[in-house]
N, C-alpha and C. Protein backbone atom coordinates (compact mmCIF):
# COMPACT_ATOMS: atom_id res chain seq x y z
N MET A 1 113.98 85.23 83.04
CA MET A 1 115.67 86.13 83.68
C MET A 1 115.61 86.50 82.53
N SER A 2 116.77 87.91 82.14
CA SER A 2 117.02 88.38 81.47
C SER A 2 117.45 88.70 80.76
N GLU A 3 117.99 89.05 78.84
CA GLU A 3 118.66 89.04 78.35
C GLU A 3 119.52 90.02 78.59
N HIS A 4 119.41 91.15 78.51
CA HIS A 4 120.43 91.99 79.07
C HIS A 4 120.73 91.58 80.59
N PRO A 5 121.92 92.03 80.35
CA PRO A 5 123.16 92.49 80.74
C PRO A 5 122.26 93.15 82.31
N SER A 6 122.21 92.68 83.25
CA SER A 6 122.00 93.05 84.70
C SER A 6 123.11 94.83 85.14
N PRO A 7 122.45 95.69 85.05
CA PRO A 7 122.94 96.84 85.69
C PRO A 7 123.39 96.94 87.07
N PRO A 8 123.99 97.03 87.58
CA PRO A 8 124.88 97.20 89.16
C PRO A 8 123.48 97.79 89.99
N GLU A 9 123.14 98.59 89.32
CA GLU A 9 121.28 98.99 90.24
C GLU A 9 120.19 98.07 90.73
N LEU A 10 120.48 96.68 89.84
CA LEU A 10 119.85 96.24 90.08
C LEU A 10 120.46 94.43 90.53
N ALA A 11 121.63 94.33 91.07
CA ALA A 11 122.92 93.68 91.22
C ALA A 11 122.00 93.08 92.85
N SER A 12 121.57 93.71 93.73
CA SER A 12 121.03 92.47 94.58
C SER A 12 119.23 92.14 94.76
N GLN A 13 118.53 92.67 93.33
CA GLN A 13 117.12 91.83 93.23
C GLN A 13 117.91 90.36 92.76
N ALA A 14 116.32 90.08 93.57
CA ALA A 14 116.17 88.17 93.36
C ALA A 14 115.79 87.81 91.71
N VAL A 15 114.64 88.98 91.12
CA VAL A 15 114.26 88.40 89.86
C VAL A 15 114.42 90.04 88.85
N VAL A 16 114.66 88.67 88.07
CA VAL A 16 114.07 90.64 87.07
C VAL A 16 114.42 90.25 85.13
N VAL A 17 113.08 91.28 84.90
CA VAL A 17 112.54 90.51 84.02
C VAL A 17 112.82 90.79 82.46
N SER A 18 112.87 91.18 81.52
CA SER A 18 112.92 91.88 80.55
C SER A 18 112.10 92.32 80.25
N LEU A 19 111.38 93.31 79.86
CA LEU A 19 110.42 93.89 78.32
C LEU A 19 110.53 94.34 78.10
N PRO A 20 110.41 94.18 76.25
CA PRO A 20 109.85 95.24 76.00
C PRO A 20 109.12 96.56 76.24
N ILE A 21 109.52 97.65 75.91
CA ILE A 21 107.99 99.09 75.93
C ILE A 21 107.36 98.70 74.66
N GLN A 22 105.72 98.23 74.27
CA GLN A 22 104.88 98.16 73.66
C GLN A 22 104.63 99.67 72.93
N TRP A 23 104.38 99.56 71.39
CA TRP A 23 103.74 101.16 70.99
C TRP A 23 102.53 101.21 72.20
N GLY A 24 101.16 100.53 71.98
CA GLY A 24 99.94 100.61 72.88
C GLY A 24 100.38 101.04 74.16
N ASP A 25 101.68 101.20 75.21
CA ASP A 25 102.01 101.54 76.61
C ASP A 25 102.28 103.33 76.53
N GLN A 26 101.85 103.83 75.74
CA GLN A 26 102.16 104.62 75.42
C GLN A 26 100.50 105.65 75.43
N ASP A 27 100.95 107.27 76.06
CA ASP A 27 99.73 107.42 75.80
C ASP A 27 99.52 108.82 75.99
N LEU A 28 98.67 109.69 76.06
CA LEU A 28 98.33 110.49 74.14
C LEU A 28 99.72 111.77 74.49
N PHE A 29 100.16 111.97 75.20
CA PHE A 29 101.37 112.59 75.40
C PHE A 29 102.79 112.49 75.21
N GLY A 30 102.59 110.89 74.63
CA GLY A 30 104.10 110.48 73.68
C GLY A 30 105.09 109.45 74.90
N HIS A 31 104.41 109.56 76.21
CA HIS A 31 105.17 108.04 76.83
C HIS A 31 104.44 107.54 77.48
N VAL A 32 104.91 106.53 78.61
CA VAL A 32 104.97 105.36 79.10
C VAL A 32 104.01 105.67 79.86
N ASN A 33 102.41 105.15 80.33
CA ASN A 33 101.35 105.66 80.69
C ASN A 33 100.89 104.47 82.47
N GLY A 34 101.27 106.04 83.01
CA GLY A 34 101.72 104.98 85.16
C GLY A 34 100.90 103.74 85.04
N VAL A 35 99.91 103.95 84.56
CA VAL A 35 99.44 101.91 84.87
C VAL A 35 100.16 100.81 84.57
N VAL A 36 100.98 101.04 83.25
CA VAL A 36 102.20 100.21 82.87
C VAL A 36 102.89 99.48 83.75
N TYR A 37 104.15 101.02 84.24
CA TYR A 37 104.86 100.49 85.32
C TYR A 37 103.97 99.12 86.60
N PHE A 38 102.81 99.06 87.25
CA PHE A 38 101.91 98.83 87.57
C PHE A 38 101.98 97.17 87.17
N ARG A 39 101.60 96.49 86.13
CA ARG A 39 101.82 95.73 85.04
C ARG A 39 102.63 95.07 85.67
N TRP A 40 103.91 96.21 85.14
CA TRP A 40 105.55 95.41 85.04
C TRP A 40 105.63 95.51 85.88
N PHE A 41 105.42 95.69 87.49
CA PHE A 41 105.71 95.17 88.53
C PHE A 41 104.87 93.65 89.22
N GLU A 42 103.83 93.65 88.71
CA GLU A 42 102.53 92.35 88.56
C GLU A 42 104.26 91.66 88.18
N THR A 43 104.20 91.57 86.74
CA THR A 43 105.06 90.49 85.50
C THR A 43 105.77 89.98 86.34
N ALA A 44 107.02 91.33 87.46
CA ALA A 44 108.09 90.40 88.04
C ALA A 44 107.87 90.02 89.53
N ARG A 45 106.72 90.44 89.57
CA ARG A 45 105.85 89.65 91.31
C ARG A 45 105.97 88.20 90.91
N VAL A 46 105.41 88.05 90.28
CA VAL A 46 104.40 86.83 89.92
C VAL A 46 105.49 85.81 89.13
N GLU A 47 106.21 86.71 88.92
CA GLU A 47 107.72 85.24 88.29
C GLU A 47 108.82 85.13 89.73
N TYR A 48 108.46 86.26 90.55
CA TYR A 48 109.12 85.77 91.76
C TYR A 48 108.01 84.94 92.24
N LEU A 49 107.13 84.91 92.54
CA LEU A 49 106.28 84.11 93.03
C LEU A 49 106.03 82.75 93.19
N ASN A 50 105.92 82.43 91.18
CA ASN A 50 106.36 81.33 90.79
C ASN A 50 108.13 80.74 91.53
N ARG A 51 108.39 80.96 91.92
CA ARG A 51 109.89 80.99 91.88
C ARG A 51 110.04 80.55 93.01
N SER A 52 109.03 80.94 93.56
CA SER A 52 108.81 81.12 95.47
C SER A 52 108.52 79.21 95.51
N GLY A 53 107.59 79.29 94.36
CA GLY A 53 107.01 77.91 94.96
C GLY A 53 105.14 78.12 95.97
N LEU A 54 105.31 79.61 95.99
CA LEU A 54 104.41 79.49 96.41
C LEU A 54 102.66 79.61 95.00
N SER A 55 103.45 79.09 93.82
CA SER A 55 102.29 79.29 92.79
C SER A 55 101.02 77.77 93.05
N HIS A 56 102.27 76.73 93.25
CA HIS A 56 101.73 75.33 94.07
C HIS A 56 100.76 75.24 94.81
N LEU A 57 100.37 75.88 95.66
CA LEU A 57 99.36 76.01 97.09
C LEU A 57 98.36 76.76 96.24
N MET A 58 97.95 77.43 95.29
CA MET A 58 96.21 77.70 94.91
C MET A 58 95.78 76.44 94.48
N SER A 59 96.12 75.64 94.20
CA SER A 59 95.57 74.17 93.46
C SER A 59 95.97 73.29 94.58
N GLY A 60 96.37 73.20 95.07
CA GLY A 60 96.00 71.94 96.09
C GLY A 60 96.04 71.89 97.91
N GLU A 61 96.10 73.88 98.00
CA GLU A 61 95.88 73.63 99.66
C GLU A 61 94.90 74.94 99.63
N GLY A 62 94.35 75.33 98.37
CA GLY A 62 92.96 77.15 98.32
C GLY A 62 93.80 78.36 99.02
N ARG A 63 95.37 77.96 99.13
CA ARG A 63 95.96 79.22 99.78
C ARG A 63 96.90 80.13 98.56
N GLY A 64 96.90 80.97 99.42
CA GLY A 64 97.74 82.02 97.88
C GLY A 64 98.09 84.04 98.41
N PRO A 65 99.01 83.60 97.28
CA PRO A 65 99.08 85.40 97.60
C PRO A 65 97.66 86.48 97.00
N ILE A 66 97.49 87.50 98.13
CA ILE A 66 97.03 88.40 97.10
C ILE A 66 97.39 89.78 97.59
N LEU A 67 97.50 90.47 95.97
CA LEU A 67 98.30 91.97 96.58
C LEU A 67 97.12 92.18 97.92
N ALA A 68 97.81 93.53 98.74
CA ALA A 68 96.87 94.09 99.40
C ALA A 68 97.58 95.61 99.37
N SER A 69 98.46 96.01 99.11
CA SER A 69 98.61 98.14 98.04
C SER A 69 99.87 97.73 97.74
N ILE A 70 99.80 98.40 97.28
CA ILE A 70 101.15 98.52 96.09
C ILE A 70 101.27 100.29 95.72
N LYS A 71 102.44 100.48 95.39
CA LYS A 71 103.07 102.04 94.78
C LYS A 71 103.51 102.28 94.04
N CYS A 72 104.52 103.48 93.70
CA CYS A 72 105.25 103.45 92.94
C CYS A 72 105.44 104.98 92.88
N ASP A 73 107.26 105.31 93.03
CA ASP A 73 107.93 106.28 92.86
C ASP A 73 108.08 106.39 91.13
N TYR A 74 107.96 107.20 90.32
CA TYR A 74 108.39 107.89 88.64
C TYR A 74 109.57 108.12 89.27
N ARG A 75 110.44 108.31 87.85
CA ARG A 75 112.10 108.64 88.51
C ARG A 75 112.14 109.34 86.81
N ARG A 76 111.50 108.89 86.01
CA ARG A 76 112.04 108.97 84.14
C ARG A 76 110.72 108.78 83.20
N GLN A 77 110.63 109.92 82.53
CA GLN A 77 109.91 109.04 81.56
C GLN A 77 110.47 108.51 80.29
N LEU A 78 109.99 107.09 80.39
CA LEU A 78 109.35 106.04 79.45
C LEU A 78 108.79 106.13 78.01
N LYS A 79 109.69 105.56 76.62
CA LYS A 79 109.01 106.15 75.86
C LYS A 79 109.19 104.52 74.76
N HIS A 80 108.97 103.91 73.27
CA HIS A 80 108.71 103.12 72.68
C HIS A 80 109.62 103.89 71.34
N PRO A 81 110.80 103.13 71.45
CA PRO A 81 111.07 101.80 71.35
C PRO A 81 111.80 101.94 72.49
N ASP A 82 112.16 101.02 73.63
CA ASP A 82 112.65 100.90 74.55
C ASP A 82 112.68 99.45 75.19
N THR A 83 113.36 99.03 76.74
CA THR A 83 113.36 97.86 76.69
C THR A 83 113.63 98.00 78.22
N VAL A 84 112.52 97.84 79.34
CA VAL A 84 112.83 97.49 80.46
C VAL A 84 113.21 96.38 80.86
N LEU A 85 114.09 96.62 82.01
CA LEU A 85 114.83 95.76 83.13
C LEU A 85 113.63 96.16 84.40
N VAL A 86 113.09 95.44 84.69
CA VAL A 86 111.84 95.09 85.67
C VAL A 86 112.31 93.83 87.54
N SER A 87 112.10 94.54 87.96
CA SER A 87 112.84 92.91 89.07
C SER A 87 111.73 93.80 90.18
N ALA A 88 112.36 92.24 91.14
CA ALA A 88 111.34 92.33 92.45
C ALA A 88 112.43 91.39 93.01
N SER A 89 111.89 91.40 94.37
CA SER A 89 113.27 91.05 95.34
C SER A 89 112.00 91.55 96.97
N VAL A 90 112.22 90.51 97.59
CA VAL A 90 111.27 90.72 98.71
C VAL A 90 112.53 91.24 100.12
N ARG A 91 111.88 92.58 100.60
CA ARG A 91 112.31 93.37 101.82
C ARG A 91 112.30 92.72 103.06
N GLU A 92 111.46 92.52 103.50
CA GLU A 92 110.19 91.54 105.07
C GLU A 92 109.31 90.39 104.39
N ILE A 93 109.50 89.26 105.64
CA ILE A 93 108.05 88.80 105.36
C ILE A 93 107.76 88.91 107.22
N GLY A 94 107.00 89.16 106.95
CA GLY A 94 106.38 89.45 108.39
C GLY A 94 105.62 87.92 109.00
N ARG A 95 104.52 87.89 109.71
CA ARG A 95 103.31 86.15 110.24
C ARG A 95 102.87 86.19 108.61
N SER A 96 102.05 87.09 108.15
CA SER A 96 101.84 86.91 107.21
C SER A 96 101.65 87.22 105.75
N SER A 97 103.01 88.26 106.33
CA SER A 97 102.69 89.54 104.62
C SER A 97 103.80 89.34 104.31
N MET A 98 104.60 89.71 103.28
CA MET A 98 105.47 89.89 102.56
C MET A 98 105.59 91.34 101.97
N LYS A 99 107.30 91.98 101.99
CA LYS A 99 106.76 93.48 101.38
C LYS A 99 107.38 93.39 100.41
N MET A 100 107.62 93.48 98.73
CA MET A 100 107.96 93.26 97.70
C MET A 100 109.15 94.57 96.85
N HIS A 101 110.15 94.71 96.91
CA HIS A 101 111.03 96.41 96.65
C HIS A 101 110.82 95.18 95.02
N HIS A 102 110.74 96.59 94.43
CA HIS A 102 110.45 96.31 93.08
C HIS A 102 111.12 97.98 91.66
N LEU A 103 112.27 97.99 91.20
CA LEU A 103 113.00 98.45 90.63
C LEU A 103 112.40 98.31 88.71
N ILE A 104 112.41 99.97 88.28
CA ILE A 104 112.17 99.64 86.82
C ILE A 104 113.50 99.98 86.06
N TYR A 105 114.61 99.93 85.48
CA TYR A 105 115.61 100.12 84.80
C TYR A 105 115.29 100.19 82.89
N SER A 106 115.64 101.95 82.67
CA SER A 106 115.51 101.16 81.10
C SER A 106 116.39 101.22 80.43
N VAL A 107 116.91 100.42 79.44
CA VAL A 107 118.21 100.16 78.40
C VAL A 107 118.66 101.13 78.00
N SER A 108 117.88 101.30 77.41
CA SER A 108 117.61 103.04 76.10
C SER A 108 119.04 104.18 77.00
N GLN A 109 117.88 104.67 77.99
CA GLN A 109 118.44 105.73 79.50
C GLN A 109 119.28 105.11 80.50
N GLN A 110 120.04 103.52 80.27
CA GLN A 110 120.91 103.40 81.50
C GLN A 110 120.23 103.84 82.90
N ALA A 111 119.15 104.37 83.03
CA ALA A 111 119.03 104.35 84.25
C ALA A 111 117.41 104.19 85.18
N LEU A 112 117.74 104.42 86.67
CA LEU A 112 115.79 103.81 86.90
C LEU A 112 115.27 104.43 86.33
N ALA A 113 114.19 104.07 85.78
CA ALA A 113 112.85 105.03 85.86
C ALA A 113 111.12 104.84 87.15
N ALA A 114 111.86 104.15 87.34
CA ALA A 114 110.70 104.15 89.02
C ALA A 114 111.25 102.79 89.63
N GLU A 115 111.21 102.85 90.82
CA GLU A 115 111.14 102.28 92.27
C GLU A 115 109.98 101.90 92.48
N GLY A 116 109.24 100.89 92.90
CA GLY A 116 107.60 100.05 93.41
C GLY A 116 108.07 99.52 95.08
N GLU A 117 107.40 99.68 95.95
CA GLU A 117 106.68 98.70 96.81
C GLU A 117 105.12 97.74 97.13
N SER A 118 105.42 96.36 96.88
CA SER A 118 104.44 96.12 97.09
C SER A 118 104.21 95.31 97.89
N THR A 119 103.15 95.08 98.97
CA THR A 119 102.64 94.24 100.05
C THR A 119 102.15 92.81 100.08
N VAL A 120 102.11 91.53 99.51
CA VAL A 120 101.47 90.54 99.32
C VAL A 120 101.10 89.90 100.97
N VAL A 121 100.00 89.50 100.72
CA VAL A 121 99.71 88.56 102.02
C VAL A 121 99.79 87.01 101.73
N MET A 122 99.44 86.24 102.76
CA MET A 122 99.17 84.63 102.34
C MET A 122 98.23 84.73 102.49
N PHE A 123 97.70 84.40 101.97
CA PHE A 123 95.37 84.38 102.03
C PHE A 123 94.66 82.56 101.92
N ASP A 124 94.23 82.46 103.11
CA ASP A 124 93.08 81.20 102.93
C ASP A 124 92.15 81.70 102.09
N TYR A 125 91.89 81.29 100.34
CA TYR A 125 90.48 81.47 100.05
C TYR A 125 89.32 80.74 100.43
N HIS A 126 89.56 79.57 101.30
CA HIS A 126 87.87 79.04 101.72
C HIS A 126 88.28 79.62 102.96
N ALA A 127 88.45 79.90 103.86
CA ALA A 127 88.10 80.84 105.20
C ALA A 127 88.12 82.69 104.82
N GLN A 128 88.93 83.16 104.15
CA GLN A 128 88.50 84.55 103.32
C GLN A 128 89.43 85.09 104.19
N ARG A 129 90.65 84.78 104.81
CA ARG A 129 91.22 86.05 105.52
C ARG A 129 93.19 85.44 105.58
N PRO A 130 93.77 86.20 106.41
CA PRO A 130 95.75 86.18 105.99
C PRO A 130 95.68 84.49 106.75
N THR A 131 96.86 83.48 106.11
CA THR A 131 96.97 83.41 107.10
C THR A 131 98.47 83.06 106.39
N ARG A 132 98.92 82.26 108.05
CA ARG A 132 100.61 82.53 108.17
C ARG A 132 101.57 81.80 106.68
N VAL A 133 102.99 82.35 106.33
CA VAL A 133 103.63 82.23 105.21
C VAL A 133 104.27 81.16 106.00
N PRO A 134 103.51 80.20 104.19
CA PRO A 134 104.65 78.57 105.22
C PRO A 134 105.86 78.71 105.59
N ASP A 135 106.46 77.23 106.32
CA ASP A 135 108.47 77.72 106.36
C ASP A 135 109.05 77.26 105.18
N ASP A 136 108.03 76.46 104.48
CA ASP A 136 109.01 76.02 103.26
C ASP A 136 109.03 77.57 101.99
N ILE A 137 107.95 78.06 102.18
CA ILE A 137 107.88 78.76 101.58
C ILE A 137 108.53 80.31 101.97
N ARG A 138 109.27 80.20 103.31
CA ARG A 138 109.80 81.71 104.31
C ARG A 138 111.44 80.68 103.39
N GLN A 139 111.70 78.98 103.77
CA GLN A 139 113.37 78.81 103.08
C GLN A 139 113.47 78.51 101.41
N GLN A 140 112.68 79.24 100.39
CA GLN A 140 112.62 79.70 99.24
C GLN A 140 112.95 80.49 99.22
N ILE A 141 112.28 81.78 99.24
CA ILE A 141 112.78 82.89 99.05
C ILE A 141 113.82 83.01 99.62
N GLU A 142 114.36 82.70 101.37
CA GLU A 142 115.61 83.18 101.51
C GLU A 142 116.73 82.08 100.86
N ARG A 143 116.19 81.41 100.09
CA ARG A 143 117.78 80.59 98.87
C ARG A 143 117.52 82.10 97.92
N LEU A 144 116.43 82.12 97.40
CA LEU A 144 116.07 82.93 96.03
C LEU A 144 117.11 84.43 96.53
N GLU A 145 117.21 84.72 97.66
CA GLU A 145 117.29 85.64 97.76
C GLU A 145 118.74 85.80 98.26
N GLY A 146 119.29 84.84 98.79
CA GLY A 146 120.42 84.70 98.38
C GLY A 146 121.19 85.35 99.36
N PRO A 147 122.12 84.83 99.88
CA PRO A 147 123.47 85.03 101.28
C PRO A 147 122.93 86.74 101.52
N SER A 148 123.20 87.51 100.55
CA SER A 148 123.07 89.25 101.23
C SER A 148 121.67 89.72 101.51
N GLY A 149 120.62 88.70 100.59
CA GLY A 149 119.07 88.94 100.53
C GLY A 149 119.08 89.41 102.05
N THR A 150 117.66 90.84 101.98
CA THR A 150 117.71 91.47 102.68
C THR A 150 116.00 90.85 103.37
N ALA A 151 115.83 89.53 102.92
CA ALA A 151 114.45 88.73 103.42
C ALA A 151 115.15 88.63 104.91
N ARG A 152 115.34 87.54 104.91
CA ARG A 152 116.33 86.87 105.88
C ARG A 152 116.96 86.99 106.84
N LYS A 153 117.20 88.69 107.02
CA LYS A 153 117.85 89.91 107.80
C LYS A 153 116.17 90.26 109.04
N ASN A 154 115.12 90.12 107.97
CA ASN A 154 113.68 91.42 108.63
C ASN A 154 112.77 89.65 108.98
N TYR A 155 112.99 88.79 109.35
CA TYR A 155 111.55 87.31 109.18
C TYR A 155 111.74 87.84 110.44
N ARG A 156 109.97 88.56 110.47
CA ARG A 156 109.06 88.43 112.22
C ARG A 156 108.64 86.85 112.49
């Protein structure tokens, strides 16, 4: 969880992590390189997947999540020093996939710096094909998202 109070823009997000911007995250132009935003999304996504119980499937059953797609819409430049709050929430759960929503919030600018979306597919690594999202994982995601979470409303 975040050590900073969660701003209203992040209130509906199930998972929020606080990350310092590192000096090495910047590029030649003195702002955070665009690739870093994807690493931050990954950090929040992995935290979400751990909290939802997906991490135990890999070791026991050979099933687990695999990233199918990711995108980012940049809104503001970020620079060192700063801290970002990066969120992850599930917007929709299909038969074998989940659409996740991500936000990056700059603490120093007190504004959203980026918004992203990733699609995670439940994957059977032995059979090398997608598999159904297990019911217990769906229930855990519903608990994680809370009563107003969007994932519950968009089950297929």
